Amino acid sequence: MLIVTALALLALAAPAHAAFPGANGKIAFASDRDDVPFGVRDIFTVNPDGGGLVNITSNAGTSDSDDDPAWSPDGRMIAFVRADESGEGTGSFIYLMNADGTGVRRLPNTGFNAANPTWSPDGTRIAFATAPGPQAPCVPDCRGRREDQ
């Protein structure tokens, strides 16, 4: 009975969206644990042992929601998706920030409904999917010039 109850609770939990530890050893993940209204997600970092939990993109009081964090290869930056409905234009866009949550900026030319950012091994480009239409990968360099592939 206890196992069935535990499995039922796990089935109701929202899926975790996390990135493997960056070069700095921290894990980045998205969660709605701190925000009101329900469903507004922030990016958090945590040490692999579970200590040092930090909310680095507090969206409390906004309708913005952050997801899909991806560490840069050197561990100094995080690319992520922000569902932005606050005046920048409704949709999901790719943002960059420093590992501590400072310096948040929207990556230009990422289109509408961008998702799943992934860094190139040298850290100079970010691939991501876009919609509407086929989920074709796009690869702008980190200065915002876009090269569709």
C-alpha atoms as a PDB file:
ATOM      1  CA  MET A   1       0.000   0.000   0.000  1.00  0.00           C
ATOM      2  CA  LEU A   2       2.802   2.421   0.877  1.00  0.00           C
ATOM      3  CA  ILE A   3       4.539   1.769  -2.446  1.00  0.00           C
ATOM      4  CA  VAL A   4       1.315   2.347  -4.394  1.00  0.00           C
ATOM      5  CA  THR A   5       0.743   5.635  -2.551  1.00  0.00           C
ATOM      6  CA  ALA A   6       4.323   6.772  -3.219  1.00  0.00           C
ATOM      7  CA  LEU A   7       4.019   5.917  -6.911  1.00  0.00           C
ATOM      8  CA  ALA A   8       0.720   7.785  -7.149  1.00  0.00           C
ATOM      9  CA  LEU A   9       2.296  10.895  -5.617  1.00  0.00           C
ATOM     10  CA  LEU A  10       5.222  10.701  -8.032  1.00  0.00           C
ATOM     11  CA  ALA A  11       2.838  10.487 -10.969  1.00  0.00           C
ATOM     12  CA  LEU A  12       1.203  13.776  -9.871  1.00  0.00           C
ATOM     13  CA  ALA A  13       4.473  15.671  -9.452  1.00  0.00           C
ATOM     14  CA  ALA A  14       5.501  18.139 -12.160  1.00  0.00           C
ATOM     15  CA  PRO A  15       8.455  16.933 -14.236  1.00  0.00           C
ATOM     16  CA  ALA A  16      11.853  18.305 -13.309  1.00  0.00           C
ATOM     17  CA  HIS A  17      13.797  20.275 -15.887  1.00  0.00           C
ATOM     18  CA  ALA A  18      17.459  20.234 -14.939  1.00  0.00           C
ATOM     19  CA  ALA A  19      20.903  20.647 -16.452  1.00  0.00           C
ATOM     20  CA  PHE A  20      23.893  18.525 -15.548  1.00  0.00           C
ATOM     21  CA  PRO A  21      26.419  20.251 -13.321  1.00  0.00           C
ATOM     22  CA  GLY A  22      28.373  22.983 -15.030  1.00  0.00           C
ATOM     23  CA  ALA A  23      32.117  23.391 -14.704  1.00  0.00           C
ATOM     24  CA  ASN A  24      31.404  25.003 -11.309  1.00  0.00           C
ATOM     25  CA  GLY A  25      29.811  21.741 -10.071  1.00  0.00           C
ATOM     26  CA  LYS A  26      26.306  23.164  -9.535  1.00  0.00           C
ATOM     27  CA  ILE A  27      23.086  21.702 -10.937  1.00  0.00           C
ATOM     28  CA  ALA A  28      20.600  24.114 -12.538  1.00  0.00           C
ATOM     29  CA  PHE A  29      16.891  23.277 -12.618  1.00  0.00           C
ATOM     30  CA  ALA A  30      13.487  24.897 -13.128  1.00  0.00           C
ATOM     31  CA  SER A  31      10.776  24.726 -10.482  1.00  0.00           C
ATOM     32  CA  ASP A  32       7.627  26.515  -9.323  1.00  0.00           C
ATOM     33  CA  ARG A  33       8.464  25.880  -5.654  1.00  0.00           C
ATOM     34  CA  ASP A  34       8.705  29.570  -4.630  1.00  0.00           C
ATOM     35  CA  ASP A  35       6.283  31.401  -6.853  1.00  0.00           C
ATOM     36  CA  VAL A  36       2.703  32.533  -6.717  1.00  0.00           C
ATOM     37  CA  PRO A  37       0.725  32.064  -8.922  1.00  0.00           C
ATOM     38  CA  PHE A  38       1.155  28.334  -9.293  1.00  0.00           C
ATOM     39  CA  GLY A  39       3.000  27.324 -12.437  1.00  0.00           C
ATOM     40  CA  VAL A  40       5.347  30.310 -12.678  1.00  0.00           C
ATOM     41  CA  ARG A  41       8.781  28.682 -12.759  1.00  0.00           C
ATOM     42  CA  ASP A  42      12.195  30.002 -11.745  1.00  0.00           C
ATOM     43  CA  ILE A  43      15.725  28.729 -12.351  1.00  0.00           C
ATOM     44  CA  PHE A  44      17.493  27.420  -9.249  1.00  0.00           C
ATOM     45  CA  THR A  45      21.036  26.200  -8.661  1.00  0.00           C
ATOM     46  CA  VAL A  46      22.068  23.638  -6.070  1.00  0.00           C
ATOM     47  CA  ASN A  47      25.176  21.704  -5.115  1.00  0.00           C
ATOM     48  CA  PRO A  48      25.176  17.998  -6.021  1.00  0.00           C
ATOM     49  CA  ASP A  49      24.805  17.129  -2.312  1.00  0.00           C
ATOM     50  CA  GLY A  50      21.548  19.166  -2.144  1.00  0.00           C
ATOM     51  CA  GLY A  51      23.055  22.083  -0.230  1.00  0.00           C
ATOM     52  CA  GLY A  52      23.350  25.687  -1.328  1.00  0.00           C
ATOM     53  CA  LEU A  53      19.928  25.966  -3.009  1.00  0.00           C
ATOM     54  CA  VAL A  54      19.534  29.415  -4.644  1.00  0.00           C
ATOM     55  CA  ASN A  55      16.667  30.862  -6.705  1.00  0.00           C
ATOM     56  CA  ILE A  56      18.526  32.837  -9.380  1.00  0.00           C
ATOM     57  CA  THR A  57      15.552  34.115 -11.457  1.00  0.00           C
ATOM     58  CA  SER A  58      12.831  35.182  -9.064  1.00  0.00           C
ATOM     59  CA  ASN A  59       9.678  35.806 -11.130  1.00  0.00           C
ATOM     60  CA  ALA A  60       7.403  36.391  -8.147  1.00  0.00           C
ATOM     61  CA  GLY A  61       4.684  38.872  -9.027  1.00  0.00           C
ATOM     62  CA  THR A  62       5.079  38.424 -12.791  1.00  0.00           C
ATOM     63  CA  SER A  63       3.579  36.136 -15.410  1.00  0.00           C
ATOM     64  CA  ASP A  64       7.049  35.284 -16.767  1.00  0.00           C
ATOM     65  CA  SER A  65       8.136  31.680 -16.352  1.00  0.00           C
ATOM     66  CA  ASP A  66      11.659  30.261 -16.815  1.00  0.00           C
ATOM     67  CA  ASP A  67      12.586  26.765 -17.971  1.00  0.00           C
ATOM     68  CA  ASP A  68      15.144  24.578 -19.768  1.00  0.00           C
ATOM     69  CA  PRO A  69      18.381  25.804 -18.117  1.00  0.00           C
ATOM     70  CA  ALA A  70      21.611  24.870 -19.909  1.00  0.00           C
ATOM     71  CA  TRP A  71      25.100  25.528 -18.501  1.00  0.00           C
ATOM     72  CA  SER A  72      27.769  27.021 -20.745  1.00  0.00           C
ATOM     73  CA  PRO A  73      30.770  24.695 -21.145  1.00  0.00           C
ATOM     74  CA  ASP A  74      32.899  26.859 -18.836  1.00  0.00           C
ATOM     75  CA  GLY A  75      30.156  27.027 -16.145  1.00  0.00           C
ATOM     76  CA  ARG A  76      30.039  30.843 -16.162  1.00  0.00           C
ATOM     77  CA  MET A  77      26.669  31.298 -17.912  1.00  0.00           C
ATOM     78  CA  ILE A  78      23.245  29.694 -18.175  1.00  0.00           C
ATOM     79  CA  ALA A  79      21.004  29.806 -21.248  1.00  0.00           C
ATOM     80  CA  PHE A  80      17.314  29.329 -20.507  1.00  0.00           C
ATOM     81  CA  VAL A  81      13.827  29.801 -21.920  1.00  0.00           C
ATOM     82  CA  ARG A  82      11.571  32.537 -20.592  1.00  0.00           C
ATOM     83  CA  ALA A  83       7.868  32.479 -21.391  1.00  0.00           C
ATOM     84  CA  ASP A  84       7.468  36.235 -21.525  1.00  0.00           C
ATOM     85  CA  GLU A  85       4.068  37.873 -21.343  1.00  0.00           C
ATOM     86  CA  SER A  86       5.120  41.134 -19.722  1.00  0.00           C
ATOM     87  CA  GLY A  87       5.523  43.497 -22.639  1.00  0.00           C
ATOM     88  CA  GLU A  88       8.461  42.010 -24.538  1.00  0.00           C
ATOM     89  CA  GLY A  89       5.969  40.122 -26.678  1.00  0.00           C
ATOM     90  CA  THR A  90       4.029  37.017 -25.779  1.00  0.00           C
ATOM     91  CA  GLY A  91       6.046  33.884 -26.504  1.00  0.00           C
ATOM     92  CA  SER A  92       9.081  31.940 -25.347  1.00  0.00           C
ATOM     93  CA  PHE A  93      12.522  33.360 -25.962  1.00  0.00           C
ATOM     94  CA  ILE A  94      16.120  32.365 -25.184  1.00  0.00           C
ATOM     95  CA  TYR A  95      17.792  34.352 -22.404  1.00  0.00           C
ATOM     96  CA  LEU A  96      21.341  34.316 -21.052  1.00  0.00           C
ATOM     97  CA  MET A  97      22.560  35.096 -17.552  1.00  0.00           C
ATOM     98  CA  ASN A  98      25.641  34.762 -15.410  1.00  0.00           C
ATOM     99  CA  ALA A  99      25.842  31.666 -13.201  1.00  0.00           C
ATOM    100  CA  ASP A 100      24.765  33.731 -10.159  1.00  0.00           C
ATOM    101  CA  GLY A 101      21.620  35.056 -11.908  1.00  0.00           C
ATOM    102  CA  THR A 102      22.971  38.526 -12.715  1.00  0.00           C
ATOM    103  CA  GLY A 103      23.227  40.035 -16.183  1.00  0.00           C
ATOM    104  CA  VAL A 104      19.961  38.548 -17.529  1.00  0.00           C
ATOM    105  CA  ARG A 105      19.469  39.463 -21.180  1.00  0.00           C
ATOM    106  CA  ARG A 106      17.378  38.244 -24.062  1.00  0.00           C
ATOM    107  CA  LEU A 107      19.326  36.713 -26.927  1.00  0.00           C
ATOM    108  CA  PRO A 108      18.188  38.621 -30.026  1.00  0.00           C
ATOM    109  CA  ASN A 109      16.793  36.919 -33.110  1.00  0.00           C
ATOM    110  CA  THR A 110      15.601  33.737 -31.394  1.00  0.00           C
ATOM    111  CA  GLY A 111      12.172  33.852 -32.984  1.00  0.00           C
ATOM    112  CA  PHE A 112       8.879  32.986 -31.382  1.00  0.00           C
ATOM    113  CA  ASN A 113       8.368  29.998 -29.033  1.00  0.00           C
ATOM    114  CA  ALA A 114      12.027  29.056 -28.711  1.00  0.00           C
ATOM    115  CA  ALA A 115      12.823  25.959 -26.612  1.00  0.00           C
ATOM    116  CA  ASN A 116      15.569  23.580 -25.479  1.00  0.00           C
ATOM    117  CA  PRO A 117      18.748  25.699 -25.663  1.00  0.00           C
ATOM    118  CA  THR A 118      22.013  23.760 -25.959  1.00  0.00           C
ATOM    119  CA  TRP A 119      25.514  25.271 -26.001  1.00  0.00           C
ATOM    120  CA  SER A 120      28.151  24.441 -28.586  1.00  0.00           C
ATOM    121  CA  PRO A 121      31.233  22.742 -27.068  1.00  0.00           C
ATOM    122  CA  ASP A 122      33.277  25.942 -27.417  1.00  0.00           C
ATOM    123  CA  GLY A 123      30.535  28.094 -25.823  1.00  0.00           C
ATOM    124  CA  THR A 124      30.190  30.512 -28.751  1.00  0.00           C
ATOM    125  CA  ARG A 125      26.815  29.312 -30.086  1.00  0.00           C
ATOM    126  CA  ILE A 126      23.481  28.106 -28.744  1.00  0.00           C
ATOM    127  CA  ALA A 127      21.254  25.707 -30.667  1.00  0.00           C
ATOM    128  CA  PHE A 128      17.525  25.668 -29.922  1.00  0.00           C
ATOM    129  CA  ALA A 129      14.179  24.646 -31.400  1.00  0.00           C
ATOM    130  CA  THR A 130      11.551  27.113 -32.616  1.00  0.00           C
ATOM    131  CA  ALA A 131       7.852  27.058 -33.518  1.00  0.00           C
ATOM    132  CA  PRO A 132       5.399  27.501 -35.212  1.00  0.00           C
ATOM    133  CA  GLY A 133       6.127  25.079 -37.980  1.00  0.00           C
ATOM    134  CA  PRO A 134       8.645  22.272 -37.901  1.00  0.00           C
ATOM    135  CA  GLN A 135      10.924  22.279 -34.886  1.00  0.00           C
ATOM    136  CA  ALA A 136      13.974  23.152 -36.961  1.00  0.00           C
ATOM    137  CA  PRO A 137      17.119  23.863 -34.944  1.00  0.00           C
ATOM    138  CA  CYS A 138      18.490  27.387 -35.045  1.00  0.00           C
ATOM    139  CA  VAL A 139      22.053  28.279 -34.158  1.00  0.00           C
ATOM    140  CA  PRO A 140      22.731  31.964 -33.411  1.00  0.00           C
ATOM    141  CA  ASP A 141      26.085  32.920 -32.053  1.00  0.00           C
ATOM    142  CA  CYS A 142      26.022  34.369 -28.567  1.00  0.00           C
ATOM    143  CA  ARG A 143      26.138  37.904 -29.982  1.00  0.00           C
ATOM    144  CA  GLY A 144      22.702  37.302 -31.568  1.00  0.00           C
ATOM    145  CA  ARG A 145      23.507  36.692 -35.226  1.00  0.00           C
ATOM    146  CA  ARG A 146      21.312  33.857 -36.436  1.00  0.00           C
ATOM    147  CA  GLU A 147      22.175  31.030 -38.794  1.00  0.00           C
ATOM    148  CA  ASP A 148      19.219  28.728 -39.463  1.00  0.00           C
ATOM    149  CA  GLN A 149      20.243  25.151 -40.138  1.00  0.00           C
END
